[in-house]
Protein backbone atom coordinates (compact mmCIF):
# COMPACT_ATOMS: atom_id res chain seq x y z
CA UNK A 1 -61.25 -27.16 30.40
CA UNK A 2 -62.71 -28.59 27.21
CA UNK A 3 -62.17 -25.50 25.10
CA UNK A 4 -58.87 -24.85 23.32
CA UNK A 5 -57.07 -21.57 23.89
CA UNK A 6 -56.89 -19.32 20.86
CA UNK A 7 -53.38 -18.35 21.89
CA UNK A 8 -51.85 -21.82 21.91
CA UNK A 9 -48.98 -22.40 19.44
CA UNK A 10 -50.00 -23.40 15.93
CA UNK A 11 -48.46 -26.83 16.41
CA UNK A 12 -50.42 -27.48 19.61
CA UNK A 13 -52.62 -30.54 19.34
CA UNK A 14 -50.80 -31.97 16.28
CA UNK A 15 -48.98 -35.12 17.35
CA UNK A 16 -48.25 -33.57 20.70
CA UNK A 17 -48.87 -35.33 24.01
CA UNK A 18 -49.35 -33.08 27.03
CA UNK A 19 -49.39 -34.77 30.43
CA UNK A 20 -50.44 -33.07 33.68
CA UNK A 21 -47.60 -32.02 35.95
CA UNK A 22 -47.67 -32.11 39.73
CA UNK A 23 -46.35 -28.82 41.04
CA UNK A 24 -44.48 -29.16 44.33
CA UNK A 25 -42.81 -26.58 46.52
CA UNK A 26 -39.01 -26.25 46.30
CA UNK A 27 -38.67 -27.47 49.88
CA UNK A 28 -40.63 -30.62 49.08
CA UNK A 29 -38.28 -31.25 46.17
CA UNK A 30 -35.27 -30.67 48.40
CA UNK A 31 -36.58 -33.04 51.09
CA UNK A 32 -37.28 -35.75 48.53
CA UNK A 33 -33.75 -35.55 47.16
CA UNK A 34 -32.22 -35.56 50.61
CA UNK A 35 -34.09 -38.79 51.29
CA UNK A 36 -32.69 -40.20 48.06
CA UNK A 37 -29.18 -39.22 49.17
CA UNK A 38 -29.78 -40.89 52.53
CA UNK A 39 -30.93 -44.03 50.74
CA UNK A 40 -27.67 -44.07 48.77
CA UNK A 41 -25.70 -43.80 52.01
CA UNK A 42 -27.63 -46.59 53.72
CA UNK A 43 -27.31 -48.85 50.68
CA UNK A 44 -23.56 -48.28 50.51
CA UNK A 45 -23.14 -48.93 54.25
CA UNK A 46 -24.98 -52.25 53.95
CA UNK A 47 -23.02 -53.20 50.84
CA UNK A 48 -19.68 -52.62 52.59
CA UNK A 49 -20.78 -54.21 55.87
CA UNK A 50 -22.09 -57.43 54.33
CA UNK A 51 -18.86 -57.71 52.30
CA UNK A 52 -16.63 -56.58 55.19
CA UNK A 53 -14.26 -59.53 54.82
CA UNK A 54 -13.14 -58.02 51.50
CA UNK A 55 -12.00 -54.81 53.23
CA UNK A 56 -9.04 -54.11 55.50
CA UNK A 57 -8.73 -51.48 58.22
CA UNK A 58 -5.09 -50.35 58.22
CA UNK A 59 -5.49 -48.65 61.60
CA UNK A 60 -6.83 -51.78 63.29
CA UNK A 61 -4.27 -54.44 64.32
CA UNK A 62 -6.80 -57.13 63.46
CA UNK A 63 -7.63 -55.49 60.11
CA UNK A 64 -11.30 -56.30 60.56
CA UNK A 65 -14.15 -53.97 59.50
CA UNK A 66 -17.27 -53.64 61.63
CA UNK A 67 -20.53 -51.65 61.18
CA UNK A 68 -18.98 -48.43 62.50
CA UNK A 69 -16.11 -48.84 60.05
CA UNK A 70 -18.61 -49.41 57.23
CA UNK A 71 -20.44 -46.19 58.09
CA UNK A 72 -17.16 -44.30 58.33
CA UNK A 73 -15.91 -45.70 55.02
CA UNK A 74 -19.18 -44.78 53.31
CA UNK A 75 -19.13 -41.17 54.50
CA UNK A 76 -15.52 -40.48 53.55
CA UNK A 77 -15.96 -42.25 50.22
CA UNK A 78 -19.20 -40.57 49.14
CA UNK A 79 -17.86 -37.17 50.20
CA UNK A 80 -14.70 -37.85 48.12
CA UNK A 81 -12.48 -37.36 51.18
CA UNK A 82 -10.88 -40.81 50.98
CA UNK A 83 -8.34 -41.09 53.84
CA UNK A 84 -7.27 -44.52 52.69
CA UNK A 85 -7.25 -46.10 56.15
CA UNK A 86 -9.97 -48.52 55.08
CA UNK A 87 -9.57 -49.97 51.61
CA UNK A 88 -10.93 -52.85 49.57
CA UNK A 89 -8.36 -55.63 49.29
CA UNK A 90 -10.31 -58.33 47.48
CA UNK A 91 -10.57 -58.09 43.69
CA UNK A 92 -14.37 -58.27 43.63
CA UNK A 93 -14.61 -55.50 46.30
CA UNK A 94 -12.50 -53.23 44.11
CA UNK A 95 -14.79 -53.93 41.15
CA UNK A 96 -17.82 -53.13 43.31
CA UNK A 97 -16.17 -49.83 44.28
CA UNK A 98 -15.46 -49.05 40.64
CA UNK A 99 -18.86 -49.84 39.17
CA UNK A 100 -21.31 -49.37 42.06
CA UNK A 101 -19.91 -47.17 44.81
CA UNK A 102 -18.28 -44.64 42.44
CA UNK A 103 -21.55 -43.98 40.51
CA UNK A 104 -23.30 -43.78 43.89
CA UNK A 105 -20.76 -41.15 44.96
CA UNK A 106 -21.44 -39.09 41.84
CA UNK A 107 -25.22 -39.36 42.32
CA UNK A 108 -24.84 -38.39 45.97
CA UNK A 109 -22.92 -35.22 45.11
CA UNK A 110 -25.32 -34.28 42.32
CA UNK A 111 -28.31 -34.69 44.63
CA UNK A 112 -26.85 -32.55 47.40
CA UNK A 113 -24.99 -29.81 45.56
CA UNK A 114 -27.21 -29.68 42.47
CA UNK A 115 -30.45 -29.59 44.43
CA UNK A 116 -29.26 -26.89 46.80
CA UNK A 117 -28.13 -24.68 43.94
CA UNK A 118 -31.36 -25.32 42.04
CA UNK A 119 -33.56 -24.39 45.00
CA UNK A 120 -31.61 -21.25 45.82
CA UNK A 121 -31.42 -20.16 42.18
CA UNK A 122 -35.12 -20.77 41.51
CA UNK A 123 -36.24 -18.97 44.66
CA UNK A 124 -33.99 -16.01 43.94
CA UNK A 125 -35.16 -15.84 40.34
CA UNK A 126 -38.81 -16.03 41.38
CA UNK A 127 -38.36 -13.29 43.97
CA UNK A 128 -36.74 -11.01 41.40
CA UNK A 129 -39.47 -11.71 38.83
CA UNK A 130 -42.28 -11.05 41.31
CA UNK A 131 -40.64 -7.84 42.54
CA UNK A 132 -40.21 -6.59 38.96
CA UNK A 133 -43.81 -7.56 38.14
CA UNK A 134 -45.21 -5.69 41.14
CA UNK A 135 -43.16 -2.63 40.31
CA UNK A 136 -44.51 -2.43 36.75
CA UNK A 137 -48.09 -3.49 37.50
CA UNK A 138 -50.59 -0.61 37.51
CA UNK A 139 -53.78 0.25 35.65
CA UNK A 140 -54.15 -3.45 34.94
CA UNK A 141 -57.17 -5.77 34.82
CA UNK A 142 -57.87 -8.24 37.62
CA UNK A 143 -59.93 -11.28 36.63
CA UNK A 144 -61.51 -13.10 39.57
CA UNK A 145 -62.35 -16.64 38.47
CA UNK A 146 -60.79 -18.21 35.38
CA UNK A 147 -63.51 -20.60 34.33
CA UNK A 148 -65.38 -20.49 31.03
CA UNK A 149 -66.70 -16.93 31.56
CA UNK A 150 -63.44 -15.47 32.83
CA UNK A 151 -61.38 -17.04 30.10
CA UNK A 152 -63.79 -15.88 27.38
CA UNK A 153 -63.63 -12.33 28.76
CA UNK A 154 -59.84 -12.39 28.66
CA UNK A 155 -59.77 -13.80 25.13
CA UNK A 156 -62.07 -11.00 23.97
CA UNK A 157 -59.86 -8.34 25.53
CA UNK A 158 -56.70 -9.92 24.12
CA UNK A 159 -58.21 -9.95 20.65
CA UNK A 160 -58.98 -6.24 21.12
CA UNK A 161 -55.30 -5.42 21.40
CA UNK A 162 -54.50 -5.81 25.11
CA UNK A 163 -51.39 -7.73 26.20
CA UNK A 164 -51.28 -10.74 28.57
CA UNK A 165 -49.02 -8.71 30.86
CA UNK A 166 -51.96 -6.41 31.63
CA UNK A 167 -53.97 -9.16 33.36
CA UNK A 168 -53.84 -10.76 36.79
CA UNK A 169 -56.00 -13.81 37.52
CA UNK A 170 -57.23 -14.64 41.02
CA UNK A 171 -58.41 -18.24 41.43
CA UNK A 172 -57.81 -20.98 44.05
CA UNK A 173 -58.31 -23.83 41.57
CA UNK A 174 -55.07 -25.51 40.34
CA UNK A 175 -56.71 -26.29 36.99
CA UNK A 176 -57.66 -22.65 36.46
CA UNK A 177 -54.15 -21.60 37.48
CA UNK A 178 -52.68 -23.97 34.90
CA UNK A 179 -55.02 -22.65 32.20
CA UNK A 180 -54.11 -19.05 33.02
CA UNK A 181 -50.40 -19.82 32.95
CA UNK A 182 -50.79 -21.54 29.58
CA UNK A 183 -52.36 -18.30 28.31
CA UNK A 184 -49.40 -16.30 29.61
CA UNK A 185 -51.22 -14.67 32.52
CA UNK A 186 -49.98 -13.96 36.04
CA UNK A 187 -51.96 -15.77 38.75
CA UNK A 188 -52.58 -15.08 42.43
CA UNK A 189 -53.78 -18.27 44.11
CA UNK A 190 -56.34 -17.72 46.84
CA UNK A 191 -59.87 -16.77 47.82
CA UNK A 192 -60.83 -13.44 46.24
CA UNK A 193 -63.21 -12.63 49.09
CA UNK A 194 -60.16 -12.12 51.33
CA UNK A 195 -58.66 -8.66 51.36
CA UNK A 196 -55.02 -9.81 51.48
CA UNK A 197 -55.47 -11.94 48.37
CA UNK A 198 -56.87 -9.00 46.41
CA UNK A 199 -54.06 -6.79 47.68
CA UNK A 200 -51.51 -9.28 46.34
CA UNK A 201 -53.27 -9.07 42.97
CA UNK A 202 -52.79 -5.29 42.97
CA UNK A 203 -56.50 -4.42 43.08
CA UNK A 204 -55.59 -1.11 44.71
CA UNK A 205 -53.95 0.05 41.46
CA UNK A 206 -56.18 -1.86 39.03
CA UNK A 207 -58.19 -0.04 36.39
CA UNK A 208 -60.81 -2.74 35.92
CA UNK A 209 -61.94 -5.84 37.83
CA UNK A 210 -63.87 -8.69 36.21
CA UNK A 211 -65.63 -11.02 38.67
CA UNK A 212 -66.86 -14.35 37.28
CA UNK A 213 -66.97 -16.90 40.10
CA UNK A 214 -69.71 -19.54 40.07
CA UNK A 215 -71.39 -18.28 43.26
CA UNK A 216 -73.38 -15.07 43.48
CA UNK A 217 -72.74 -14.70 47.22
CA UNK A 218 -68.99 -14.87 46.63
CA UNK A 219 -69.33 -12.32 43.85
CA UNK A 220 -71.18 -9.89 46.14
CA UNK A 221 -68.55 -10.20 48.89
CA UNK A 222 -65.76 -9.80 46.35
CA UNK A 223 -67.40 -6.68 44.91
CA UNK A 224 -67.69 -5.14 48.37
CA UNK A 225 -64.04 -5.89 49.14
CA UNK A 226 -62.80 -4.58 45.80
CA UNK A 227 -64.84 -1.40 46.14
CA UNK A 228 -63.43 -0.84 49.61
CA UNK A 229 -59.86 -1.24 48.37
CA UNK A 230 -60.26 0.70 45.12
CA UNK A 231 -63.26 3.06 44.90
CA UNK A 232 -62.31 4.11 41.35
CA UNK A 233 -62.01 0.68 39.70
CA UNK A 234 -64.54 -0.26 37.03
CA UNK A 235 -66.15 -3.51 38.21
CA UNK A 236 -67.93 -5.93 35.89
CA UNK A 237 -69.58 -8.93 37.55
CA UNK A 238 -71.43 -12.02 36.36
CA UNK A 239 -74.66 -13.06 38.09
CA UNK A 240 -76.08 -16.55 37.84
CA UNK A 241 -79.56 -15.50 38.96
CA UNK A 242 -81.42 -12.37 37.83
CA UNK A 243 -82.65 -11.48 41.32
CA UNK A 244 -79.04 -11.14 42.52
CA UNK A 245 -78.09 -8.55 39.89
CA UNK A 246 -79.57 -5.54 41.80
CA UNK A 247 -77.73 -6.63 44.94
CA UNK A 248 -74.46 -6.68 43.02
CA UNK A 249 -75.19 -3.23 41.68
CA UNK A 250 -75.86 -1.96 45.21
CA UNK A 251 -72.62 -3.59 46.36
CA UNK A 252 -70.62 -1.46 43.94
CA UNK A 253 -70.57 -3.24 40.56
CA UNK A 254 -70.67 -0.87 37.59
CA UNK A 255 -72.02 -3.51 35.24
CA UNK A 256 -73.71 -6.84 35.96
CA UNK A 257 -74.26 -9.54 33.34
CA UNK A 258 -76.84 -12.22 34.06
CA UNK A 259 -75.42 -15.29 32.36
CA UNK A 260 -78.51 -17.48 32.68
CA UNK A 261 -80.77 -14.82 31.15
CA UNK A 262 -78.33 -14.22 28.29
CA UNK A 263 -78.14 -17.92 27.42
CA UNK A 264 -81.89 -18.32 27.78
CA UNK A 265 -82.62 -15.38 25.50
CA UNK A 266 -80.20 -16.67 22.87
CA UNK A 267 -81.89 -20.08 22.98
CA UNK A 268 -85.32 -18.45 22.65
CA UNK A 269 -84.24 -16.35 19.66
CA UNK A 270 -82.72 -19.42 18.02
CA UNK A 271 -86.01 -21.25 18.49
CA UNK A 272 -88.11 -18.43 17.02
CA UNK A 273 -85.68 -17.69 14.20
CA UNK A 274 -82.61 -19.90 13.61
CA UNK A 275 -81.16 -17.19 11.37
CA UNK A 276 -81.49 -14.53 14.07
CA UNK A 277 -79.95 -16.90 16.61
CA UNK A 278 -77.00 -17.42 14.28
CA UNK A 279 -76.43 -13.67 13.98
CA UNK A 280 -76.63 -13.18 17.75
CA UNK A 281 -74.18 -16.02 18.32
CA UNK A 282 -71.88 -14.43 15.75
CA UNK A 283 -71.91 -11.19 17.74
CA UNK A 284 -71.12 -13.05 20.95
CA UNK A 285 -68.19 -15.00 19.48
CA UNK A 286 -64.93 -13.11 19.29
CA UNK A 287 -62.55 -13.06 16.34
CA UNK A 288 -64.86 -14.10 13.50
CA UNK A 289 -67.80 -12.62 11.61
CA UNK A 290 -69.22 -9.52 13.24
CA UNK A 291 -67.96 -7.64 16.30
CA UNK A 292 -69.44 -4.91 18.47
CA UNK A 293 -67.10 -2.13 19.55
CA UNK A 294 -66.89 1.46 20.79
CA UNK A 295 -65.03 4.27 19.07
CA UNK A 296 -64.64 8.05 19.11
CA UNK A 297 -66.64 10.35 16.90
CA UNK A 298 -64.66 11.64 13.90
CA UNK A 299 -64.40 15.29 12.86
CA UNK A 300 -66.26 14.72 9.58
CA UNK A 301 -69.10 12.97 11.45
CA UNK A 302 -70.02 15.89 13.72
CA UNK A 303 -73.53 17.18 12.94
CA UNK A 304 -74.64 14.04 11.11
CA UNK A 305 -77.31 11.58 12.09
CA UNK A 306 -76.20 8.12 13.32
CA UNK A 307 -77.96 6.49 10.33
CA UNK A 308 -75.84 8.56 7.88
CA UNK A 309 -72.48 7.11 8.94
CA UNK A 310 -70.61 4.36 7.09
CA UNK A 311 -70.54 2.27 10.26
CA UNK A 312 -73.62 0.49 11.53
CA UNK A 313 -74.27 2.61 14.64
CA UNK A 314 -76.48 0.91 17.22
CA UNK A 315 -76.00 3.31 20.16
CA UNK A 316 -74.43 6.64 21.12
CA UNK A 317 -72.68 7.40 24.40
CA UNK A 318 -73.22 11.01 25.51
CA UNK A 319 -72.39 12.38 28.95
CA UNK A 320 -71.79 8.82 30.22
CA UNK A 321 -75.32 7.80 29.19
CA UNK A 322 -76.20 5.30 26.47
CA UNK A 323 -78.85 6.22 23.90
CA UNK A 324 -80.22 4.03 21.11
CA UNK A 325 -79.39 5.29 17.65
CA UNK A 326 -83.05 6.22 17.03
CA UNK A 327 -83.38 8.26 20.24
CA UNK A 328 -84.24 11.91 19.38
CA UNK A 329 -81.69 13.07 21.98
CA UNK A 330 -78.86 11.88 19.68
CA UNK A 331 -80.59 12.73 16.42
CA UNK A 332 -77.56 14.91 15.62
CA UNK A 333 -74.08 13.80 16.69
CA UNK A 334 -72.05 16.26 18.78
CA UNK A 335 -68.44 16.59 19.82
CA UNK A 336 -67.64 14.31 22.74
CA UNK A 337 -70.02 11.57 21.60
CA UNK A 338 -68.81 7.99 21.36
CA UNK A 339 -70.32 5.45 19.01
CA UNK A 340 -71.25 1.82 19.57
CA UNK A 341 -70.96 0.19 16.15
CA UNK A 342 -71.04 -3.21 14.47
CA UNK A 343 -68.20 -4.07 12.13
CA UNK A 344 -66.39 -7.02 10.61
CA UNK A 345 -64.16 -8.85 13.08
CA UNK A 346 -61.11 -8.33 10.86
CA UNK A 347 -61.33 -4.59 11.61
CA UNK A 348 -61.39 -5.16 15.38
CA UNK A 349 -58.04 -3.42 16.13
CA UNK A 350 -59.73 -0.07 15.56
CA UNK A 351 -62.21 -0.66 18.40
CA UNK A 352 -60.30 0.65 21.44
CA UNK A 353 -58.44 3.30 19.44
CA UNK A 354 -59.50 6.74 18.21
CA UNK A 355 -60.71 6.85 14.64
CA UNK A 356 -60.81 4.12 12.03
CA UNK A 357 -58.05 4.72 9.51
CA UNK A 358 -55.96 7.43 11.11
CA UNK A 359 -58.57 10.18 10.86
CA UNK A 360 -58.70 12.90 13.50
CA UNK A 361 -61.38 12.53 16.15
CA UNK A 362 -63.58 15.41 17.17
CA UNK A 363 -62.04 15.51 20.65
CA UNK A 364 -58.50 15.47 19.24
CA UNK A 365 -59.35 18.33 16.89
CA UNK A 366 -60.69 20.37 19.80
CA UNK A 367 -57.52 19.73 21.79
CA UNK A 368 -55.35 20.75 18.83
CA UNK A 369 -57.29 23.95 18.33
CA UNK A 370 -56.69 24.95 21.93
């Protein structure tokens, strides 16, 4: 992806070269090294056979070494058994054994023993890590699709105080998997429209699911599957076309964002008023300038009008319904209300938490009184 992660180390990109790595399965790695070990054996057999006149077979009355003897000598030599029945007698053959066959023996042992231990250790470690991860994973957020939209959603949530360990990404694309891993996120590789893939991602115990694939039909099928697995999960989906948004709502999505309409409206506002477009873009970008967030109502704010608060209130959530700040229904704030406010991005950590500077919330005060 062209964008740079906000969570990369500070030294990333400064005199650092990062090359793509080809990820292979452990068994592919093992097979490749076994072939290398076989090549060492074949090379040693040919080396001994072509120079057979420099070797003597002490168990053969003629002392001659044939192809079978060369194979036998190679196996006992590379395995460090060394019976001594066949030995180099010429001076140059002994030098070849010292400087060519001995390093080949060491490489042979490293390839066999080292590779086997590496494969077994890595697989065991991965199994333990996955088992521990599954045991601790609950009430997490599943992100289906880690392209531009999915990654931006995760960055916004991370900047709001969530931890990378609370996310699971589902994406079949190796590039997306690499990007998610670089951001410290767990990844389940596969098609999110398949039930078994979503089960591996822990959708059954997830609190929220964000669906941002590039195809509306895939999004609809994923929503239906997620809703079947977890009826209580909060599902947010992205729609490329406006006419598909109602279908996603009917499929079970709690919130649907039409990306094309949002971009088009921002472009229109920027055309009408460049200043207004700048402010809207500021609200959409996370971590700088202005931020929109939701917080609890404070005790000292009960009974006031939204316009009287220190925060810039733009909406009030009451009984799970959203009202604009000027709506007469929320002309006076009541206990249990939640506020949608605009604040400076540097104060973002308050957003998902009760209160602003440690003050008691109206709900907390009620609970304490009881």
